[in-house]
Structure formats: structure tokens, C-alpha cells
Amino acid sequence: MIDEFAKAHLHGRLRRDREALLWKLDGLSEYDARRPLTATGTNLLGLVKHVATVEARYFGEVFGRPSPEPLSRWQDYDGSDLWAAADETRDQVTGFCLRTWDHSDATIDELPLDAPGHVPWWPEPHTDTNLFAVMVHVLGETVRHAGHADILREGLDGRTGLRPEHERQIDEEARAAYRAKIEQAAGSAADRSRIDAVSPAER
């Protein structure tokens, strides 16, 4: 009973957070969906592509159920899953993502939590694992990158939220006041820190 609950719970969270990540592309121009938004090149379409590639590997070859999607050998990893080439359309990336979800869901549905898996890119002695450990790992990866996407999207146009039905209209005045409140607190803490660093004899 607990295995069934744990599996359903983990799978539900994975579905929720992967959909949240994909939603972060909603309404973006082709340029904004792809352009690097950090010094290391992190971009929204690349995050979607990367997380789908992670799922394709972990719920595919790890359990002897290779993804039907064309994937390079993990040994040949070159970071190309972190961004979309100019001739790679958004529909191609999101289509790959959706098909990968279907394949992953089938693996999760058909195997028990203790189904053995082998992750050759993990260090020894951790290469032999099971579905439960892989689900936790992939969920963590998805949540981490969904958080990245939250920040990137907010920086682009201010849109925030976990799901479309929870999105609220942006109140620029309220946001500015809230940010100013936090800025003031940070400045006051910095002032106190500078004062505390001065010895009594120097005051």
C-alpha cells in the first residue's frame, strides 16, 4: 500500500513540475525563449530540452527501455541538450518533450518501485539502483530547473506562478513597494554590520 502511495505521489509531483517548466515558454517570442539569460548561457527552451533529455535517459536505457527518441550516447555528452540550435524549432523541442513524457509515464506505470535499474554514468558503487531512487532523482532535477525557469521568466516580463490557473495580473506598484521594503531591510542590516565591525576604540 505504501509503495502504491509513494509511486503515485512522486509521479503526480513529477507531472505537475514538468508541466510548470514547459508553461514558462508560454507567450514568449522566439528570441526570448532561446536567448541566454545568465553568464553561463542558461535559457528557457534549453531548460525544457535538457529536462526532457534527462527523463529520456533515466526512464529509458536505465531500465532497458530505450527511448524511441534519437539520443546521442551519454559518453558523448557535449552540452547540446542545454540550448536549441537555430534550425531546431520550438515545436520540435516541445514535441520531443511531450513524447518523452509519454515514454517515461509508461515506464513508471509498468514497473514496481523496486524494479532494478542501472545508471552507467553514476559513480560506483551507486550504478545499480531502482525505480524509486530514479524517480526521486529526476523529480529533484525537474524541480531545480523549474526554479531556474521561474527566475528567468520573471526577469523577462515579470510573469510568475506555478500553473496558469494560479497566475495573477501583475501589480507593478505593489511589487515595487515590496521590493523597496526588502531593499531597505538589506541596507539597514549592512549598515549595522559595518558599525559592529568597528572596534569600540575607533567609534
N, C-alpha and C. Protein backbone atom coordinates (compact mmCIF):
# COMPACT_ATOMS: atom_id res chain seq x y z
N MET A 1 0.82 -1.21 0.00
CA MET A 1 0.00 0.00 0.00
C MET A 1 0.86 1.26 0.00
N ILE A 2 1.90 1.29 0.86
CA ILE A 2 2.74 2.48 0.92
C ILE A 2 3.51 2.67 -0.38
N ASP A 3 3.89 1.57 -1.03
CA ASP A 3 4.59 1.67 -2.32
C ASP A 3 3.69 2.31 -3.36
N GLU A 4 2.44 1.92 -3.37
CA GLU A 4 1.49 2.48 -4.34
C GLU A 4 1.29 3.97 -4.09
N PHE A 5 1.18 4.35 -2.82
CA PHE A 5 1.02 5.76 -2.47
C PHE A 5 2.26 6.55 -2.87
N ALA A 6 3.44 6.03 -2.51
CA ALA A 6 4.68 6.74 -2.80
C ALA A 6 4.86 6.92 -4.30
N LYS A 7 4.59 5.88 -5.06
CA LYS A 7 4.75 5.96 -6.51
C LYS A 7 3.78 6.98 -7.11
N ALA A 8 2.52 6.91 -6.69
CA ALA A 8 1.53 7.85 -7.22
C ALA A 8 1.87 9.28 -6.83
N HIS A 9 2.36 9.47 -5.61
CA HIS A 9 2.69 10.82 -5.15
C HIS A 9 3.87 11.38 -5.93
N LEU A 10 4.93 10.61 -6.05
CA LEU A 10 6.09 11.07 -6.80
C LEU A 10 5.75 11.34 -8.26
N HIS A 11 4.95 10.46 -8.85
CA HIS A 11 4.58 10.63 -10.26
C HIS A 11 3.72 11.88 -10.43
N GLY A 12 2.81 12.11 -9.49
CA GLY A 12 1.98 13.31 -9.56
C GLY A 12 2.80 14.58 -9.47
N ARG A 13 3.77 14.61 -8.57
CA ARG A 13 4.62 15.79 -8.45
C ARG A 13 5.48 15.98 -9.70
N LEU A 14 5.97 14.89 -10.26
CA LEU A 14 6.76 15.00 -11.48
C LEU A 14 5.92 15.58 -12.61
N ARG A 15 4.70 15.10 -12.76
CA ARG A 15 3.82 15.62 -13.80
C ARG A 15 3.55 17.11 -13.60
N ARG A 16 3.29 17.48 -12.35
CA ARG A 16 2.99 18.89 -12.06
C ARG A 16 4.17 19.79 -12.39
N ASP A 17 5.37 19.40 -11.97
CA ASP A 17 6.52 20.28 -12.11
C ASP A 17 7.08 20.31 -13.53
N ARG A 18 6.96 19.21 -14.26
CA ARG A 18 7.40 19.24 -15.67
C ARG A 18 6.46 20.13 -16.49
N GLU A 19 5.16 20.09 -16.17
CA GLU A 19 4.21 20.96 -16.87
C GLU A 19 4.45 22.42 -16.54
N ALA A 20 4.82 22.70 -15.28
CA ALA A 20 5.13 24.07 -14.88
C ALA A 20 6.33 24.59 -15.66
N LEU A 21 7.33 23.74 -15.84
CA LEU A 21 8.51 24.14 -16.60
C LEU A 21 8.16 24.45 -18.04
N LEU A 22 7.39 23.59 -18.68
CA LEU A 22 7.01 23.81 -20.07
C LEU A 22 6.18 25.08 -20.22
N TRP A 23 5.34 25.38 -19.24
CA TRP A 23 4.49 26.57 -19.28
C TRP A 23 5.30 27.86 -19.31
N LYS A 24 6.51 27.82 -18.80
CA LYS A 24 7.32 29.03 -18.77
C LYS A 24 7.67 29.55 -20.17
N LEU A 25 7.43 28.75 -21.20
CA LEU A 25 7.63 29.22 -22.58
C LEU A 25 6.42 29.98 -23.11
N ASP A 26 5.31 29.91 -22.40
CA ASP A 26 4.06 30.47 -22.90
C ASP A 26 4.17 31.95 -23.24
N GLY A 27 3.81 32.29 -24.47
CA GLY A 27 3.73 33.68 -24.88
C GLY A 27 5.05 34.35 -25.19
N LEU A 28 6.15 33.63 -25.14
CA LEU A 28 7.45 34.24 -25.40
C LEU A 28 7.75 34.31 -26.89
N SER A 29 8.49 35.33 -27.28
CA SER A 29 8.97 35.40 -28.65
C SER A 29 10.00 34.31 -28.88
N GLU A 30 10.30 34.05 -30.15
CA GLU A 30 11.29 33.04 -30.48
C GLU A 30 12.64 33.39 -29.85
N TYR A 31 12.98 34.66 -29.88
CA TYR A 31 14.26 35.11 -29.33
C TYR A 31 14.31 34.94 -27.82
N ASP A 32 13.27 35.42 -27.13
CA ASP A 32 13.28 35.35 -25.67
C ASP A 32 13.23 33.92 -25.15
N ALA A 33 12.61 33.03 -25.88
CA ALA A 33 12.56 31.63 -25.46
C ALA A 33 13.93 30.97 -25.51
N ARG A 34 14.81 31.49 -26.40
CA ARG A 34 16.08 30.85 -26.66
C ARG A 34 17.31 31.58 -26.11
N ARG A 35 17.20 32.88 -25.92
CA ARG A 35 18.41 33.65 -25.66
C ARG A 35 19.00 33.37 -24.29
N PRO A 36 20.34 33.44 -24.19
CA PRO A 36 20.98 33.21 -22.90
C PRO A 36 20.65 34.33 -21.92
N LEU A 37 20.26 33.93 -20.72
CA LEU A 37 19.81 34.91 -19.74
C LEU A 37 20.71 34.95 -18.50
N THR A 38 21.77 34.17 -18.53
CA THR A 38 22.78 34.20 -17.46
C THR A 38 24.16 34.18 -18.11
N ALA A 39 25.17 34.41 -17.30
CA ALA A 39 26.54 34.40 -17.83
C ALA A 39 26.94 33.03 -18.36
N THR A 40 26.31 31.98 -17.85
CA THR A 40 26.63 30.62 -18.30
C THR A 40 25.72 30.14 -19.42
N GLY A 41 24.86 31.03 -19.94
CA GLY A 41 24.06 30.70 -21.10
C GLY A 41 22.71 30.05 -20.83
N THR A 42 22.29 29.99 -19.58
CA THR A 42 21.01 29.35 -19.26
C THR A 42 19.87 30.04 -19.99
N ASN A 43 19.00 29.25 -20.60
CA ASN A 43 17.89 29.78 -21.39
C ASN A 43 16.68 28.89 -21.21
N LEU A 44 15.50 29.42 -21.47
CA LEU A 44 14.27 28.71 -21.14
C LEU A 44 14.01 27.49 -22.03
N LEU A 45 14.15 27.64 -23.33
CA LEU A 45 13.91 26.49 -24.20
C LEU A 45 14.95 25.40 -23.94
N GLY A 46 16.17 25.81 -23.64
CA GLY A 46 17.20 24.85 -23.31
C GLY A 46 16.91 24.07 -22.04
N LEU A 47 16.31 24.73 -21.05
CA LEU A 47 15.93 24.01 -19.83
C LEU A 47 14.91 22.94 -20.12
N VAL A 48 13.93 23.26 -20.96
CA VAL A 48 12.90 22.28 -21.33
C VAL A 48 13.55 21.10 -22.06
N LYS A 49 14.42 21.41 -23.00
CA LYS A 49 15.10 20.37 -23.77
C LYS A 49 15.98 19.49 -22.86
N HIS A 50 16.69 20.12 -21.95
CA HIS A 50 17.57 19.39 -21.05
C HIS A 50 16.80 18.44 -20.15
N VAL A 51 15.73 18.93 -19.53
CA VAL A 51 14.96 18.09 -18.60
C VAL A 51 14.30 16.93 -19.35
N ALA A 52 13.85 17.16 -20.57
CA ALA A 52 13.29 16.07 -21.37
C ALA A 52 14.36 15.04 -21.69
N THR A 53 15.57 15.49 -21.98
CA THR A 53 16.67 14.57 -22.27
C THR A 53 17.01 13.74 -21.04
N VAL A 54 17.02 14.38 -19.87
CA VAL A 54 17.26 13.67 -18.62
C VAL A 54 16.23 12.56 -18.43
N GLU A 55 14.95 12.90 -18.62
CA GLU A 55 13.89 11.89 -18.49
C GLU A 55 14.07 10.76 -19.49
N ALA A 56 14.39 11.11 -20.73
CA ALA A 56 14.54 10.10 -21.77
C ALA A 56 15.61 9.08 -21.40
N ARG A 57 16.68 9.55 -20.79
CA ARG A 57 17.76 8.64 -20.39
C ARG A 57 17.38 7.83 -19.15
N TYR A 58 16.90 8.51 -18.12
CA TYR A 58 16.66 7.82 -16.85
C TYR A 58 15.50 6.85 -16.90
N PHE A 59 14.44 7.19 -17.60
CA PHE A 59 13.31 6.27 -17.67
C PHE A 59 13.36 5.41 -18.93
N GLY A 60 14.49 5.48 -19.64
CA GLY A 60 14.68 4.69 -20.85
C GLY A 60 15.74 3.64 -20.65
N GLU A 61 16.98 3.98 -21.02
CA GLU A 61 18.05 2.99 -21.02
C GLU A 61 18.39 2.47 -19.63
N VAL A 62 18.14 3.26 -18.60
CA VAL A 62 18.43 2.80 -17.23
C VAL A 62 17.64 1.53 -16.90
N PHE A 63 16.45 1.40 -17.48
CA PHE A 63 15.61 0.24 -17.21
C PHE A 63 15.47 -0.68 -18.42
N GLY A 64 16.41 -0.57 -19.35
CA GLY A 64 16.35 -1.43 -20.52
C GLY A 64 15.17 -1.15 -21.42
N ARG A 65 14.70 0.10 -21.37
CA ARG A 65 13.56 0.51 -22.19
C ARG A 65 13.97 1.75 -23.00
N PRO A 66 14.90 1.60 -23.93
CA PRO A 66 15.45 2.76 -24.64
C PRO A 66 14.37 3.67 -25.21
N SER A 67 14.60 4.97 -25.07
CA SER A 67 13.67 5.95 -25.61
C SER A 67 13.59 5.82 -27.12
N PRO A 68 12.38 5.95 -27.70
CA PRO A 68 12.26 5.95 -29.15
C PRO A 68 12.82 7.21 -29.79
N GLU A 69 13.14 8.21 -28.96
CA GLU A 69 13.70 9.46 -29.46
C GLU A 69 15.19 9.28 -29.76
N PRO A 70 15.69 9.90 -30.82
CA PRO A 70 17.13 9.80 -31.11
C PRO A 70 17.95 10.55 -30.06
N LEU A 71 18.84 9.84 -29.39
CA LEU A 71 19.70 10.44 -28.38
C LEU A 71 21.14 10.06 -28.67
N SER A 72 22.03 11.00 -28.43
CA SER A 72 23.45 10.66 -28.56
C SER A 72 23.85 9.76 -27.39
N ARG A 73 24.95 9.08 -27.51
CA ARG A 73 25.45 8.27 -26.40
C ARG A 73 25.78 9.17 -25.22
N TRP A 74 25.47 8.69 -24.03
CA TRP A 74 25.76 9.52 -22.86
C TRP A 74 27.26 9.79 -22.74
N GLN A 75 28.07 8.87 -23.25
CA GLN A 75 29.53 9.06 -23.21
C GLN A 75 29.97 10.24 -24.08
N ASP A 76 29.13 10.62 -25.04
CA ASP A 76 29.49 11.69 -25.97
C ASP A 76 28.86 13.03 -25.58
N TYR A 77 28.46 13.16 -24.33
CA TYR A 77 27.76 14.38 -23.90
C TYR A 77 28.57 15.63 -24.23
N ASP A 78 27.92 16.60 -24.86
CA ASP A 78 28.60 17.83 -25.26
C ASP A 78 27.84 19.10 -24.87
N GLY A 79 26.79 18.95 -24.06
CA GLY A 79 26.02 20.12 -23.63
C GLY A 79 25.01 20.63 -24.63
N SER A 80 24.84 19.94 -25.75
CA SER A 80 23.91 20.42 -26.78
C SER A 80 22.45 20.30 -26.37
N ASP A 81 22.18 19.58 -25.28
CA ASP A 81 20.80 19.50 -24.79
C ASP A 81 20.42 20.71 -23.96
N LEU A 82 21.35 21.64 -23.76
CA LEU A 82 21.09 22.82 -22.94
C LEU A 82 20.67 24.05 -23.74
N TRP A 83 20.57 23.92 -25.06
CA TRP A 83 20.16 25.04 -25.90
C TRP A 83 19.63 24.50 -27.22
N ALA A 84 18.89 25.33 -27.92
CA ALA A 84 18.31 24.93 -29.20
C ALA A 84 19.06 25.60 -30.34
N ALA A 85 19.48 24.81 -31.30
CA ALA A 85 20.16 25.34 -32.48
C ALA A 85 19.19 26.18 -33.31
N ALA A 86 19.73 27.03 -34.18
CA ALA A 86 18.90 27.94 -34.97
C ALA A 86 17.90 27.20 -35.85
N ASP A 87 18.28 26.01 -36.32
CA ASP A 87 17.38 25.25 -37.20
C ASP A 87 16.50 24.26 -36.44
N GLU A 88 16.52 24.34 -35.12
CA GLU A 88 15.71 23.46 -34.28
C GLU A 88 14.50 24.25 -33.80
N THR A 89 13.31 23.90 -34.23
CA THR A 89 12.13 24.69 -33.93
C THR A 89 11.64 24.45 -32.50
N ARG A 90 10.90 25.40 -32.02
CA ARG A 90 10.31 25.25 -30.69
C ARG A 90 9.36 24.05 -30.67
N ASP A 91 8.60 23.86 -31.75
CA ASP A 91 7.69 22.72 -31.82
C ASP A 91 8.45 21.40 -31.76
N GLN A 92 9.63 21.36 -32.36
CA GLN A 92 10.43 20.13 -32.28
C GLN A 92 10.86 19.84 -30.85
N VAL A 93 11.28 20.88 -30.15
CA VAL A 93 11.72 20.69 -28.76
C VAL A 93 10.55 20.29 -27.88
N THR A 94 9.43 20.99 -27.99
CA THR A 94 8.29 20.67 -27.13
C THR A 94 7.67 19.33 -27.52
N GLY A 95 7.72 18.99 -28.80
CA GLY A 95 7.23 17.68 -29.23
C GLY A 95 8.07 16.56 -28.64
N PHE A 96 9.38 16.74 -28.66
CA PHE A 96 10.30 15.79 -28.03
C PHE A 96 9.97 15.65 -26.56
N CYS A 97 9.71 16.77 -25.92
CA CYS A 97 9.37 16.79 -24.51
C CYS A 97 8.10 15.97 -24.23
N LEU A 98 7.05 16.22 -24.98
CA LEU A 98 5.77 15.54 -24.75
C LEU A 98 5.86 14.04 -25.03
N ARG A 99 6.57 13.67 -26.08
CA ARG A 99 6.73 12.25 -26.39
C ARG A 99 7.56 11.54 -25.32
N THR A 100 8.55 12.26 -24.80
CA THR A 100 9.36 11.70 -23.73
C THR A 100 8.53 11.48 -22.48
N TRP A 101 7.65 12.43 -22.15
CA TRP A 101 6.77 12.25 -21.01
C TRP A 101 5.96 10.97 -21.15
N ASP A 102 5.42 10.74 -22.36
CA ASP A 102 4.62 9.53 -22.58
C ASP A 102 5.44 8.27 -22.32
N HIS A 103 6.66 8.27 -22.82
CA HIS A 103 7.54 7.12 -22.62
C HIS A 103 7.90 6.94 -21.15
N SER A 104 8.21 8.04 -20.47
CA SER A 104 8.54 7.98 -19.05
C SER A 104 7.35 7.49 -18.24
N ASP A 105 6.17 8.02 -18.54
CA ASP A 105 4.97 7.61 -17.80
C ASP A 105 4.70 6.12 -17.97
N ALA A 106 4.93 5.60 -19.17
CA ALA A 106 4.72 4.17 -19.40
C ALA A 106 5.70 3.35 -18.56
N THR A 107 6.95 3.78 -18.49
CA THR A 107 7.94 3.08 -17.65
C THR A 107 7.50 3.09 -16.19
N ILE A 108 7.11 4.26 -15.71
CA ILE A 108 6.70 4.39 -14.31
C ILE A 108 5.47 3.54 -14.02
N ASP A 109 4.50 3.56 -14.94
CA ASP A 109 3.26 2.81 -14.73
C ASP A 109 3.49 1.30 -14.74
N GLU A 110 4.41 0.85 -15.57
CA GLU A 110 4.57 -0.59 -15.78
C GLU A 110 5.53 -1.26 -14.80
N LEU A 111 6.40 -0.49 -14.16
CA LEU A 111 7.40 -1.09 -13.27
C LEU A 111 7.09 -0.82 -11.80
N PRO A 112 7.41 -1.76 -10.92
CA PRO A 112 7.27 -1.51 -9.48
C PRO A 112 8.39 -0.61 -8.99
N LEU A 113 8.20 -0.02 -7.82
CA LEU A 113 9.20 0.90 -7.29
C LEU A 113 10.56 0.25 -7.08
N ASP A 114 10.56 -1.05 -6.80
CA ASP A 114 11.85 -1.72 -6.56
C ASP A 114 12.42 -2.34 -7.83
N ALA A 115 11.87 -1.99 -9.00
CA ALA A 115 12.41 -2.51 -10.26
C ALA A 115 13.87 -2.11 -10.39
N PRO A 116 14.76 -3.04 -10.69
CA PRO A 116 16.19 -2.71 -10.77
C PRO A 116 16.51 -1.89 -12.01
N GLY A 117 17.44 -0.97 -11.84
CA GLY A 117 17.92 -0.16 -12.96
C GLY A 117 19.43 -0.01 -12.86
N HIS A 118 20.04 0.38 -13.95
CA HIS A 118 21.50 0.55 -13.97
C HIS A 118 21.83 1.89 -14.61
N VAL A 119 22.52 2.75 -13.87
CA VAL A 119 22.90 4.09 -14.35
C VAL A 119 24.40 4.11 -14.57
N PRO A 120 24.86 3.85 -15.79
CA PRO A 120 26.30 3.73 -16.02
C PRO A 120 27.07 5.02 -15.82
N TRP A 121 26.40 6.16 -15.86
CA TRP A 121 27.11 7.44 -15.67
C TRP A 121 27.17 7.85 -14.21
N TRP A 122 26.57 7.08 -13.31
CA TRP A 122 26.75 7.33 -11.87
C TRP A 122 28.03 6.64 -11.40
N PRO A 123 28.70 7.20 -10.39
CA PRO A 123 29.94 6.57 -9.89
C PRO A 123 29.64 5.31 -9.08
N GLU A 124 30.57 4.40 -9.09
CA GLU A 124 30.47 3.23 -8.22
C GLU A 124 30.54 3.68 -6.76
N PRO A 125 29.84 3.03 -5.85
CA PRO A 125 29.05 1.81 -6.03
C PRO A 125 27.57 2.09 -6.26
N HIS A 126 27.23 3.20 -6.89
CA HIS A 126 25.83 3.63 -6.99
C HIS A 126 25.18 3.34 -8.33
N THR A 127 25.89 2.67 -9.23
CA THR A 127 25.35 2.46 -10.58
C THR A 127 24.10 1.60 -10.59
N ASP A 128 24.02 0.63 -9.68
CA ASP A 128 22.83 -0.22 -9.60
C ASP A 128 21.84 0.41 -8.65
N THR A 129 20.63 0.62 -9.14
CA THR A 129 19.64 1.37 -8.36
C THR A 129 18.25 0.79 -8.64
N ASN A 130 17.21 1.55 -8.36
CA ASN A 130 15.85 1.08 -8.62
C ASN A 130 14.96 2.26 -9.04
N LEU A 131 13.72 1.94 -9.40
CA LEU A 131 12.82 2.97 -9.92
C LEU A 131 12.56 4.06 -8.89
N PHE A 132 12.42 3.69 -7.63
CA PHE A 132 12.17 4.70 -6.60
C PHE A 132 13.28 5.75 -6.58
N ALA A 133 14.52 5.31 -6.55
CA ALA A 133 15.65 6.24 -6.49
C ALA A 133 15.71 7.10 -7.73
N VAL A 134 15.41 6.53 -8.88
CA VAL A 134 15.44 7.29 -10.13
C VAL A 134 14.32 8.32 -10.16
N MET A 135 13.13 7.95 -9.69
CA MET A 135 12.03 8.92 -9.65
C MET A 135 12.38 10.10 -8.76
N VAL A 136 12.97 9.84 -7.61
CA VAL A 136 13.37 10.93 -6.70
C VAL A 136 14.42 11.80 -7.37
N HIS A 137 15.37 11.16 -8.04
CA HIS A 137 16.44 11.92 -8.70
C HIS A 137 15.89 12.81 -9.82
N VAL A 138 15.04 12.25 -10.66
CA VAL A 138 14.51 13.02 -11.80
C VAL A 138 13.58 14.12 -11.30
N LEU A 139 12.80 13.85 -10.26
CA LEU A 139 11.95 14.89 -9.69
C LEU A 139 12.80 16.03 -9.17
N GLY A 140 13.90 15.71 -8.48
CA GLY A 140 14.79 16.77 -7.99
C GLY A 140 15.37 17.59 -9.12
N GLU A 141 15.77 16.93 -10.19
CA GLU A 141 16.31 17.63 -11.36
C GLU A 141 15.26 18.55 -11.98
N THR A 142 14.03 18.05 -12.07
CA THR A 142 12.95 18.84 -12.67
C THR A 142 12.60 20.05 -11.82
N VAL A 143 12.49 19.85 -10.51
CA VAL A 143 12.18 20.96 -9.61
C VAL A 143 13.27 22.02 -9.65
N ARG A 144 14.51 21.58 -9.65
CA ARG A 144 15.64 22.53 -9.69
C ARG A 144 15.56 23.41 -10.94
N HIS A 145 15.34 22.80 -12.08
CA HIS A 145 15.32 23.58 -13.32
C HIS A 145 14.02 24.36 -13.49
N ALA A 146 12.94 23.88 -12.92
CA ALA A 146 11.70 24.67 -12.93
C ALA A 146 11.90 25.95 -12.12
N GLY A 147 12.67 25.85 -11.03
CA GLY A 147 13.01 27.05 -10.25
C GLY A 147 13.86 28.02 -11.04
N HIS A 148 14.83 27.47 -11.80
CA HIS A 148 15.61 28.34 -12.68
C HIS A 148 14.69 29.07 -13.65
N ALA A 149 13.76 28.31 -14.23
CA ALA A 149 12.85 28.90 -15.22
C ALA A 149 11.96 29.98 -14.60
N ASP A 150 11.55 29.78 -13.35
CA ASP A 150 10.75 30.79 -12.65
C ASP A 150 11.48 32.13 -12.64
N ILE A 151 12.75 32.09 -12.24
CA ILE A 151 13.53 33.32 -12.12
C ILE A 151 13.79 33.95 -13.49
N LEU A 152 14.13 33.11 -14.47
CA LEU A 152 14.40 33.64 -15.81
C LEU A 152 13.16 34.31 -16.39
N ARG A 153 12.01 33.67 -16.24
CA ARG A 153 10.79 34.24 -16.81
C ARG A 153 10.40 35.53 -16.10
N GLU A 154 10.56 35.57 -14.80
CA GLU A 154 10.25 36.81 -14.06
C GLU A 154 11.16 37.93 -14.54
N GLY A 155 12.41 37.62 -14.82
CA GLY A 155 13.33 38.63 -15.30
C GLY A 155 12.99 39.14 -16.69
N LEU A 156 12.36 38.29 -17.49
CA LEU A 156 12.00 38.71 -18.85
C LEU A 156 10.81 39.65 -18.88
N ASP A 157 9.72 39.25 -18.25
CA ASP A 157 8.50 40.06 -18.35
C ASP A 157 7.69 40.15 -17.06
N GLY A 158 8.28 39.67 -15.97
CA GLY A 158 7.60 39.78 -14.68
C GLY A 158 6.59 38.70 -14.39
N ARG A 159 6.34 37.79 -15.33
CA ARG A 159 5.33 36.75 -15.09
C ARG A 159 5.86 35.71 -14.11
N THR A 160 5.00 35.33 -13.17
CA THR A 160 5.36 34.35 -12.15
C THR A 160 4.22 33.35 -12.00
N GLY A 161 4.46 32.32 -11.21
CA GLY A 161 3.40 31.37 -10.91
C GLY A 161 3.79 29.95 -11.24
N LEU A 162 3.06 29.01 -10.63
CA LEU A 162 3.31 27.59 -10.82
C LEU A 162 2.48 27.02 -11.95
N ARG A 163 1.25 27.48 -12.05
CA ARG A 163 0.35 26.98 -13.09
C ARG A 163 -0.48 28.13 -13.64
N PRO A 164 -0.96 28.01 -14.86
CA PRO A 164 -1.73 29.12 -15.47
C PRO A 164 -2.92 29.55 -14.63
N GLU A 165 -3.62 28.59 -14.03
CA GLU A 165 -4.83 28.94 -13.28
C GLU A 165 -4.54 29.71 -12.01
N HIS A 166 -3.27 29.72 -11.58
CA HIS A 166 -2.90 30.46 -10.36
C HIS A 166 -2.22 31.79 -10.67
N GLU A 167 -2.05 32.09 -11.94
CA GLU A 167 -1.36 33.32 -12.31
C GLU A 167 -2.25 34.54 -12.03
N ARG A 168 -1.67 35.57 -11.45
CA ARG A 168 -2.39 36.80 -11.15
C ARG A 168 -1.86 37.93 -12.01
N GLN A 169 -2.72 38.91 -12.26
CA GLN A 169 -2.28 40.07 -13.02
C GLN A 169 -1.21 40.82 -12.23
N ILE A 170 -0.21 41.27 -12.92
CA ILE A 170 0.92 41.94 -12.26
C ILE A 170 0.50 43.31 -11.73
N ASP A 171 0.74 43.53 -10.45
CA ASP A 171 0.50 44.83 -9.81
C ASP A 171 1.87 45.48 -9.62
N GLU A 172 2.27 46.29 -10.59
CA GLU A 172 3.61 46.88 -10.58
C GLU A 172 3.86 47.72 -9.34
N GLU A 173 2.86 48.46 -8.91
CA GLU A 173 3.03 49.34 -7.74
C GLU A 173 3.27 48.53 -6.48
N ALA A 174 2.49 47.46 -6.30
CA ALA A 174 2.65 46.62 -5.11
C ALA A 174 4.00 45.90 -5.14
N ARG A 175 4.41 45.46 -6.31
CA ARG A 175 5.71 44.80 -6.42
C ARG A 175 6.85 45.75 -6.08
N ALA A 176 6.75 46.97 -6.58
CA ALA A 176 7.81 47.96 -6.31
C ALA A 176 7.89 48.27 -4.83
N ALA A 177 6.75 48.38 -4.17
CA ALA A 177 6.74 48.68 -2.74
C ALA A 177 7.32 47.53 -1.93
N TYR A 178 6.99 46.31 -2.32
CA TYR A 178 7.50 45.13 -1.64
C TYR A 178 9.01 45.01 -1.81
N ARG A 179 9.48 45.25 -3.03
CA ARG A 179 10.91 45.19 -3.29
C ARG A 179 11.66 46.27 -2.51
N ALA A 180 11.08 47.46 -2.45
CA ALA A 180 11.71 48.55 -1.71
C ALA A 180 11.81 48.23 -0.21
N LYS A 181 10.80 47.55 0.29
CA LYS A 181 10.81 47.15 1.70
C LYS A 181 11.97 46.19 1.99
N ILE A 182 12.17 45.23 1.09
CA ILE A 182 13.26 44.27 1.25
C ILE A 182 14.62 44.95 1.08
N GLU A 183 14.70 45.87 0.11
CA GLU A 183 15.93 46.61 -0.12
C GLU A 183 16.30 47.43 1.11
N GLN A 184 15.31 48.06 1.73
CA GLN A 184 15.57 48.86 2.92
C GLN A 184 16.08 47.99 4.07
N ALA A 185 15.48 46.81 4.24
CA ALA A 185 15.92 45.90 5.30
C ALA A 185 17.35 45.44 5.05
N ALA A 186 17.68 45.15 3.79
CA ALA A 186 19.04 44.72 3.45
C ALA A 186 20.04 45.83 3.72
N GLY A 187 19.68 47.06 3.35
CA GLY A 187 20.57 48.19 3.59
C GLY A 187 20.79 48.45 5.07
N SER A 188 19.72 48.34 5.87
CA SER A 188 19.84 48.55 7.32
C SER A 188 20.73 47.48 7.95
N ALA A 189 20.59 46.23 7.50
CA ALA A 189 21.42 45.15 8.03
C ALA A 189 22.88 45.37 7.67
N ALA A 190 23.14 45.87 6.46
CA ALA A 190 24.51 46.14 6.04
C ALA A 190 25.12 47.27 6.88
N ASP A 191 24.31 48.30 7.16
CA ASP A 191 24.79 49.41 7.99
C ASP A 191 25.16 48.92 9.40
N ARG A 192 24.30 48.07 9.98
CA ARG A 192 24.58 47.54 11.31
C ARG A 192 25.85 46.69 11.30
N SER A 193 26.03 45.93 10.24
CA SER A 193 27.22 45.08 10.14
C SER A 193 28.49 45.92 10.10
N ARG A 194 28.43 47.04 9.37
CA ARG A 194 29.61 47.90 9.29
C ARG A 194 29.92 48.54 10.64
N ILE A 195 28.88 48.93 11.36
CA ILE A 195 29.06 49.54 12.68
C ILE A 195 29.64 48.52 13.66
N ASP A 196 29.11 47.28 13.62
CA ASP A 196 29.57 46.23 14.53
C ASP A 196 31.02 45.86 14.25
N ALA A 197 31.47 46.05 12.99
CA ALA A 197 32.85 45.68 12.64
C ALA A 197 33.86 46.69 13.14
N VAL A 198 33.42 47.86 13.53
CA VAL A 198 34.32 48.90 14.05
C VAL A 198 34.55 48.67 15.53
N SER A 199 35.78 48.64 15.95
CA SER A 199 36.09 48.40 17.36
C SER A 199 35.62 49.58 18.20
N PRO A 200 35.32 49.35 19.49
CA PRO A 200 34.87 50.46 20.36
C PRO A 200 35.85 51.63 20.38
N ALA A 201 37.14 51.34 20.30
CA ALA A 201 38.12 52.43 20.35
C ALA A 201 38.07 53.31 19.12
N GLU A 202 37.58 52.76 18.02
CA GLU A 202 37.52 53.52 16.77
C GLU A 202 36.21 54.28 16.62
N ARG A 203 35.26 53.99 17.49
CA ARG A 203 33.97 54.65 17.35
C ARG A 203 34.00 56.07 17.90
